[in-house]
Amino acid sequence: MDPKEASDIEWKKNRFFNIKEIRDQLTNHVQQNQETQAIFSNNLVSTSNPEKKSSKDNTSQQRLFTECSPMRK
């Protein structure tokens, strides 16, 4: 094998490994991005839908409203 052919093969191997490394990094970034989006969308759902809170929270809020309401007294 002549030196040019050997260097071409070495270049192709390096290129393949560089492409594989970049692909792995992109896969990791995509996965992290999806996890982050899921966290943010869960936070948005919980803050935009107060009905989704536990019934215990709703009961205590209703009791507080009832106890403090001037119309009830």
PDB file of N, CA and C in Angstrom:
ATOM      1  N   MET A   1       0.858  -1.179   0.000  1.00  0.00           N
ATOM      2  CA  MET A   1       0.000   0.000   0.000  1.00  0.00           C
ATOM      3  C   MET A   1       0.901   1.238   0.000  1.00  0.00           C
ATOM      4  N   ASP A   2       0.628   2.137  -0.917  1.00  0.00           N
ATOM      5  CA  ASP A   2       1.463   3.340  -0.989  1.00  0.00           C
ATOM      6  C   ASP A   2       1.050   4.341   0.095  1.00  0.00           C
ATOM      7  N   PRO A   3       1.906   5.296   0.410  1.00  0.00           N
ATOM      8  CA  PRO A   3       1.630   6.256   1.506  1.00  0.00           C
ATOM      9  C   PRO A   3       0.368   7.081   1.284  1.00  0.00           C
ATOM     10  N   LYS A   4       0.096   7.444   0.024  1.00  0.00           N
ATOM     11  CA  LYS A   4      -1.117   8.243  -0.234  1.00  0.00           C
ATOM     12  C   LYS A   4      -2.364   7.430   0.077  1.00  0.00           C
ATOM     13  N   GLU A   5      -2.366   6.172  -0.358  1.00  0.00           N
ATOM     14  CA  GLU A   5      -3.518   5.311  -0.098  1.00  0.00           C
ATOM     15  C   GLU A   5      -3.687   5.089   1.423  1.00  0.00           C
ATOM     16  N   ALA A   6      -2.587   4.899   2.112  1.00  0.00           N
ATOM     17  CA  ALA A   6      -2.638   4.713   3.570  1.00  0.00           C
ATOM     18  C   ALA A   6      -3.173   5.969   4.257  1.00  0.00           C
ATOM     19  N   SER A   7      -2.721   7.138   3.796  1.00  0.00           N
ATOM     20  CA  SER A   7      -3.202   8.376   4.411  1.00  0.00           C
ATOM     21  C   SER A   7      -4.676   8.608   4.089  1.00  0.00           C
ATOM     22  N   ASP A   8      -5.121   8.207   2.893  1.00  0.00           N
ATOM     23  CA  ASP A   8      -6.548   8.313   2.543  1.00  0.00           C
ATOM     24  C   ASP A   8      -7.398   7.432   3.455  1.00  0.00           C
ATOM     25  N   ILE A   9      -6.913   6.215   3.694  1.00  0.00           N
ATOM     26  CA  ILE A   9      -7.649   5.295   4.567  1.00  0.00           C
ATOM     27  C   ILE A   9      -7.689   5.856   5.989  1.00  0.00           C
ATOM     28  N   GLU A  10      -6.573   6.365   6.453  1.00  0.00           N
ATOM     29  CA  GLU A  10      -6.512   6.951   7.804  1.00  0.00           C
ATOM     30  C   GLU A  10      -7.452   8.152   7.901  1.00  0.00           C
ATOM     31  N   TRP A  11      -7.463   8.997   6.865  1.00  0.00           N
ATOM     32  CA  TRP A  11      -8.340  10.173   6.842  1.00  0.00           C
ATOM     33  C   TRP A  11      -9.807   9.735   6.895  1.00  0.00           C
ATOM     34  N   LYS A  12     -10.154   8.700   6.113  1.00  0.00           N
ATOM     35  CA  LYS A  12     -11.540   8.213   6.100  1.00  0.00           C
ATOM     36  C   LYS A  12     -11.927   7.638   7.462  1.00  0.00           C
ATOM     37  N   LYS A  13     -11.005   6.911   8.110  1.00  0.00           N
ATOM     38  CA  LYS A  13     -11.299   6.372   9.451  1.00  0.00           C
ATOM     39  C   LYS A  13     -11.527   7.514  10.440  1.00  0.00           C
ATOM     40  N   ASN A  14     -10.651   8.522  10.400  1.00  0.00           N
ATOM     41  CA  ASN A  14     -10.805   9.664  11.298  1.00  0.00           C
ATOM     42  C   ASN A  14     -12.112  10.398  11.034  1.00  0.00           C
ATOM     43  N   ARG A  15     -12.431  10.544   9.769  1.00  0.00           N
ATOM     44  CA  ARG A  15     -13.670  11.239   9.403  1.00  0.00           C
ATOM     45  C   ARG A  15     -14.881  10.468   9.920  1.00  0.00           C
ATOM     46  N   PHE A  16     -14.844   9.147   9.759  1.00  0.00           N
ATOM     47  CA  PHE A  16     -15.942   8.316  10.251  1.00  0.00           C
ATOM     48  C   PHE A  16     -16.105   8.477  11.755  1.00  0.00           C
ATOM     49  N   PHE A  17     -15.002   8.429  12.492  1.00  0.00           N
ATOM     50  CA  PHE A  17     -15.092   8.552  13.945  1.00  0.00           C
ATOM     51  C   PHE A  17     -15.531   9.955  14.357  1.00  0.00           C
ATOM     52  N   ASN A  18     -15.090  10.970  13.616  1.00  0.00           N
ATOM     53  CA  ASN A  18     -15.539  12.337  13.910  1.00  0.00           C
ATOM     54  C   ASN A  18     -17.042  12.471  13.681  1.00  0.00           C
ATOM     55  N   ILE A  19     -17.521  11.893  12.585  1.00  0.00           N
ATOM     56  CA  ILE A  19     -18.959  11.946  12.287  1.00  0.00           C
ATOM     57  C   ILE A  19     -19.737  11.199  13.365  1.00  0.00           C
ATOM     58  N   LYS A  20     -19.242  10.034  13.773  1.00  0.00           N
ATOM     59  CA  LYS A  20     -19.906   9.252  14.822  1.00  0.00           C
ATOM     60  C   LYS A  20     -19.938  10.036  16.137  1.00  0.00           C
ATOM     61  N   GLU A  21     -18.844  10.683  16.480  1.00  0.00           N
ATOM     62  CA  GLU A  21     -18.785  11.472  17.712  1.00  0.00           C
ATOM     63  C   GLU A  21     -19.769  12.640  17.663  1.00  0.00           C
ATOM     64  N   ILE A  22     -19.811  13.325  16.535  1.00  0.00           N
ATOM     65  CA  ILE A  22     -20.740  14.457  16.375  1.00  0.00           C
ATOM     66  C   ILE A  22     -22.184  13.963  16.460  1.00  0.00           C
ATOM     67  N   ARG A  23     -22.470  12.819  15.831  1.00  0.00           N
ATOM     68  CA  ARG A  23     -23.820  12.261  15.879  1.00  0.00           C
ATOM     69  C   ARG A  23     -24.211  11.923  17.324  1.00  0.00           C
ATOM     70  N   ASP A  24     -23.282  11.335  18.065  1.00  0.00           N
ATOM     71  CA  ASP A  24     -23.556  10.995  19.468  1.00  0.00           C
ATOM     72  C   ASP A  24     -23.815  12.252  20.291  1.00  0.00           C
ATOM     73  N   GLN A  25     -23.025  13.300  20.043  1.00  0.00           N
ATOM     74  CA  GLN A  25     -23.229  14.557  20.778  1.00  0.00           C
ATOM     75  C   GLN A  25     -24.594  15.165  20.450  1.00  0.00           C
ATOM     76  N   LEU A  26     -24.963  15.129  19.172  1.00  0.00           N
ATOM     77  CA  LEU A  26     -26.267  15.671  18.776  1.00  0.00           C
ATOM     78  C   LEU A  26     -27.401  14.867  19.399  1.00  0.00           C
ATOM     79  N   THR A  27     -27.247  13.553  19.440  1.00  0.00           N
ATOM     80  CA  THR A  27     -28.259  12.708  20.057  1.00  0.00           C
ATOM     81  C   THR A  27     -28.424  13.070  21.523  1.00  0.00           C
ATOM     82  N   ASN A  28     -27.310  13.281  22.217  1.00  0.00           N
ATOM     83  CA  ASN A  28     -27.376  13.673  23.629  1.00  0.00           C
ATOM     84  C   ASN A  28     -28.053  15.026  23.790  1.00  0.00           C
ATOM     85  N   HIS A  29     -27.725  15.983  22.921  1.00  0.00           N
ATOM     86  CA  HIS A  29     -28.341  17.311  23.007  1.00  0.00           C
ATOM     87  C   HIS A  29     -29.834  17.235  22.756  1.00  0.00           C
ATOM     88  N   VAL A  30     -30.240  16.431  21.779  1.00  0.00           N
ATOM     89  CA  VAL A  30     -31.663  16.289  21.475  1.00  0.00           C
ATOM     90  C   VAL A  30     -32.392  15.676  22.668  1.00  0.00           C
ATOM     91  N   GLN A  31     -31.801  14.662  23.261  1.00  0.00           N
ATOM     92  CA  GLN A  31     -32.417  14.023  24.416  1.00  0.00           C
ATOM     93  C   GLN A  31     -32.543  15.004  25.585  1.00  0.00           C
ATOM     94  N   GLN A  32     -31.490  15.772  25.848  1.00  0.00           N
ATOM     95  CA  GLN A  32     -31.545  16.754  26.933  1.00  0.00           C
ATOM     96  C   GLN A  32     -32.585  17.824  26.642  1.00  0.00           C
ATOM     97  N   ASN A  33     -32.675  18.231  25.367  1.00  0.00           N
ATOM     98  CA  ASN A  33     -33.651  19.240  24.977  1.00  0.00           C
ATOM     99  C   ASN A  33     -35.071  18.714  25.191  1.00  0.00           C
ATOM    100  N   GLN A  34     -35.306  17.453  24.823  1.00  0.00           N
ATOM    101  CA  GLN A  34     -36.638  16.877  25.008  1.00  0.00           C
ATOM    102  C   GLN A  34     -36.985  16.785  26.486  1.00  0.00           C
ATOM    103  N   GLU A  35     -36.021  16.408  27.316  1.00  0.00           N
ATOM    104  CA  GLU A  35     -36.266  16.331  28.759  1.00  0.00           C
ATOM    105  C   GLU A  35     -36.582  17.714  29.319  1.00  0.00           C
ATOM    106  N   THR A  36     -35.844  18.722  28.866  1.00  0.00           N
ATOM    107  CA  THR A  36     -36.075  20.089  29.333  1.00  0.00           C
ATOM    108  C   THR A  36     -37.453  20.576  28.900  1.00  0.00           C
ATOM    109  N   GLN A  37     -37.824  20.296  27.658  1.00  0.00           N
ATOM    110  CA  GLN A  37     -39.141  20.703  27.177  1.00  0.00           C
ATOM    111  C   GLN A  37     -40.247  20.018  27.965  1.00  0.00           C
ATOM    112  N   ALA A  38     -40.042  18.758  28.307  1.00  0.00           N
ATOM    113  CA  ALA A  38     -41.044  18.031  29.095  1.00  0.00           C
ATOM    114  C   ALA A  38     -41.197  18.666  30.471  1.00  0.00           C
ATOM    115  N   ILE A  39     -40.090  19.045  31.081  1.00  0.00           N
ATOM    116  CA  ILE A  39     -40.141  19.685  32.398  1.00  0.00           C
ATOM    117  C   ILE A  39     -40.895  21.007  32.308  1.00  0.00           C
ATOM    118  N   PHE A  40     -40.559  21.819  31.295  1.00  0.00           N
ATOM    119  CA  PHE A  40     -41.226  23.111  31.159  1.00  0.00           C
ATOM    120  C   PHE A  40     -42.703  22.944  30.838  1.00  0.00           C
ATOM    121  N   SER A  41     -43.050  21.989  29.985  1.00  0.00           N
ATOM    122  CA  SER A  41     -44.457  21.818  29.644  1.00  0.00           C
ATOM    123  C   SER A  41     -45.235  21.304  30.851  1.00  0.00           C
ATOM    124  N   ASN A  42     -44.617  20.452  31.679  1.00  0.00           N
ATOM    125  CA  ASN A  42     -45.285  20.010  32.913  1.00  0.00           C
ATOM    126  C   ASN A  42     -45.490  21.178  33.860  1.00  0.00           C
ATOM    127  N   ASN A  43     -44.507  22.058  33.960  1.00  0.00           N
ATOM    128  CA  ASN A  43     -44.647  23.238  34.819  1.00  0.00           C
ATOM    129  C   ASN A  43     -45.746  24.151  34.303  1.00  0.00           C
ATOM    130  N   LEU A  44     -45.823  24.320  32.984  1.00  0.00           N
ATOM    131  CA  LEU A  44     -46.853  25.182  32.414  1.00  0.00           C
ATOM    132  C   LEU A  44     -48.232  24.598  32.668  1.00  0.00           C
ATOM    133  N   VAL A  45     -48.368  23.284  32.523  1.00  0.00           N
ATOM    134  CA  VAL A  45     -49.667  22.644  32.765  1.00  0.00           C
ATOM    135  C   VAL A  45     -50.077  22.831  34.214  1.00  0.00           C
ATOM    136  N   SER A  46     -49.136  22.637  35.138  1.00  0.00           N
ATOM    137  CA  SER A  46     -49.498  22.739  36.555  1.00  0.00           C
ATOM    138  C   SER A  46     -49.814  24.179  36.952  1.00  0.00           C
ATOM    139  N   THR A  47     -49.178  25.167  36.330  1.00  0.00           N
ATOM    140  CA  THR A  47     -49.472  26.557  36.696  1.00  0.00           C
ATOM    141  C   THR A  47     -50.669  27.109  35.931  1.00  0.00           C
ATOM    142  N   SER A  48     -50.949  26.561  34.749  1.00  0.00           N
ATOM    143  CA  SER A  48     -52.062  27.103  33.968  1.00  0.00           C
ATOM    144  C   SER A  48     -53.376  26.403  34.285  1.00  0.00           C
ATOM    145  N   ASN A  49     -53.334  25.264  34.962  1.00  0.00           N
ATOM    146  CA  ASN A  49     -54.547  24.538  35.315  1.00  0.00           C
ATOM    147  C   ASN A  49     -54.651  24.397  36.831  1.00  0.00           C
ATOM    148  N   PRO A  50     -55.169  25.403  37.499  1.00  0.00           N
ATOM    149  CA  PRO A  50     -55.263  25.300  38.954  1.00  0.00           C
ATOM    150  C   PRO A  50     -56.190  24.157  39.386  1.00  0.00           C
ATOM    151  N   GLU A  51     -57.120  23.717  38.500  1.00  0.00           N
ATOM    152  CA  GLU A  51     -58.008  22.607  38.857  1.00  0.00           C
ATOM    153  C   GLU A  51     -57.224  21.323  39.052  1.00  0.00           C
ATOM    154  N   LYS A  52     -56.032  21.241  38.466  1.00  0.00           N
ATOM    155  CA  LYS A  52     -55.215  20.040  38.555  1.00  0.00           C
ATOM    156  C   LYS A  52     -54.605  19.856  39.938  1.00  0.00           C
ATOM    157  N   LYS A  53     -54.693  20.861  40.796  1.00  0.00           N
ATOM    158  CA  LYS A  53     -54.133  20.741  42.141  1.00  0.00           C
ATOM    159  C   LYS A  53     -54.913  19.686  42.906  1.00  0.00           C
ATOM    160  N   SER A  54     -54.356  19.262  43.987  1.00  0.00           N
ATOM    161  CA  SER A  54     -55.022  18.223  44.777  1.00  0.00           C
ATOM    162  C   SER A  54     -56.313  18.767  45.382  1.00  0.00           C
ATOM    163  N   SER A  55     -57.233  17.879  45.664  1.00  0.00           N
ATOM    164  CA  SER A  55     -58.513  18.298  46.229  1.00  0.00           C
ATOM    165  C   SER A  55     -58.312  18.891  47.623  1.00  0.00           C
ATOM    166  N   LYS A  56     -57.265  18.451  48.326  1.00  0.00           N
ATOM    167  CA  LYS A  56     -56.971  19.006  49.657  1.00  0.00           C
ATOM    168  C   LYS A  56     -56.693  20.505  49.548  1.00  0.00           C
ATOM    169  N   ASP A  57     -55.924  20.923  48.528  1.00  0.00           N
ATOM    170  CA  ASP A  57     -55.642  22.336  48.329  1.00  0.00           C
ATOM    171  C   ASP A  57     -56.932  23.108  48.052  1.00  0.00           C
ATOM    172  N   ASN A  58     -57.792  22.554  47.206  1.00  0.00           N
ATOM    173  CA  ASN A  58     -59.039  23.235  46.867  1.00  0.00           C
ATOM    174  C   ASN A  58     -59.939  23.361  48.096  1.00  0.00           C
ATOM    175  N   THR A  59     -60.001  22.335  48.910  1.00  0.00           N
ATOM    176  CA  THR A  59     -60.838  22.365  50.106  1.00  0.00           C
ATOM    177  C   THR A  59     -60.343  23.418  51.083  1.00  0.00           C
ATOM    178  N   SER A  60     -59.046  23.468  51.297  1.00  0.00           N
ATOM    179  CA  SER A  60     -58.522  24.461  52.241  1.00  0.00           C
ATOM    180  C   SER A  60     -58.718  25.871  51.703  1.00  0.00           C
ATOM    181  N   GLN A  61     -58.610  26.055  50.394  1.00  0.00           N
ATOM    182  CA  GLN A  61     -58.850  27.378  49.827  1.00  0.00           C
ATOM    183  C   GLN A  61     -60.316  27.763  49.966  1.00  0.00           C
ATOM    184  N   GLN A  62     -61.219  26.815  49.746  1.00  0.00           N
ATOM    185  CA  GLN A  62     -62.645  27.117  49.893  1.00  0.00           C
ATOM    186  C   GLN A  62     -62.980  27.449  51.341  1.00  0.00           C
ATOM    187  N   ARG A  63     -62.399  26.704  52.293  1.00  0.00           N
ATOM    188  CA  ARG A  63     -62.641  26.959  53.707  1.00  0.00           C
ATOM    189  C   ARG A  63     -62.139  28.351  54.079  1.00  0.00           C
ATOM    190  N   LEU A  64     -60.935  28.703  53.597  1.00  0.00           N
ATOM    191  CA  LEU A  64     -60.371  30.004  53.885  1.00  0.00           C
ATOM    192  C   LEU A  64     -61.261  31.097  53.306  1.00  0.00           C
ATOM    193  N   PHE A  65     -61.744  30.905  52.088  1.00  0.00           N
ATOM    194  CA  PHE A  65     -62.621  31.880  51.463  1.00  0.00           C
ATOM    195  C   PHE A  65     -63.916  32.027  52.269  1.00  0.00           C
ATOM    196  N   THR A  66     -64.467  30.900  52.689  1.00  0.00           N
ATOM    197  CA  THR A  66     -65.720  30.908  53.445  1.00  0.00           C
ATOM    198  C   THR A  66     -65.538  31.605  54.796  1.00  0.00           C
ATOM    199  N   GLU A  67     -64.437  31.304  55.462  1.00  0.00           N
ATOM    200  CA  GLU A  67     -64.195  31.890  56.782  1.00  0.00           C
ATOM    201  C   GLU A  67     -63.921  33.389  56.704  1.00  0.00           C
ATOM    202  N   CYS A  68     -63.293  33.833  55.628  1.00  0.00           N
ATOM    203  CA  CYS A  68     -62.890  35.238  55.530  1.00  0.00           C
ATOM    204  C   CYS A  68     -63.872  36.093  54.737  1.00  0.00           C
ATOM    205  N   SER A  69     -64.857  35.479  54.162  1.00  0.00           N
ATOM    206  CA  SER A  69     -65.778  36.229  53.318  1.00  0.00           C
ATOM    207  C   SER A  69     -66.692  37.107  54.168  1.00  0.00           C
ATOM    208  N   PRO A  70     -66.762  38.412  53.884  1.00  0.00           N
ATOM    209  CA  PRO A  70     -67.619  39.309  54.683  1.00  0.00           C
ATOM    210  C   PRO A  70     -69.105  39.013  54.476  1.00  0.00           C
ATOM    211  N   MET A  71     -69.488  38.430  53.353  1.00  0.00           N
ATOM    212  CA  MET A  71     -70.894  38.141  53.073  1.00  0.00           C
ATOM    213  C   MET A  71     -71.419  37.021  53.955  1.00  0.00           C
ATOM    214  N   ARG A  72     -70.543  36.174  54.443  1.00  0.00           N
ATOM    215  CA  ARG A  72     -70.952  35.028  55.258  1.00  0.00           C
ATOM    216  C   ARG A  72     -71.277  35.430  56.694  1.00  0.00           C
ATOM    217  N   LYS A  73     -70.760  36.536  57.142  1.00  0.00           N
ATOM    218  CA  LYS A  73     -70.930  36.918  58.552  1.00  0.00           C
ATOM    219  C   LYS A  73     -72.157  37.752  58.751  1.00  0.00           C
TER     220      LYS A  73
END
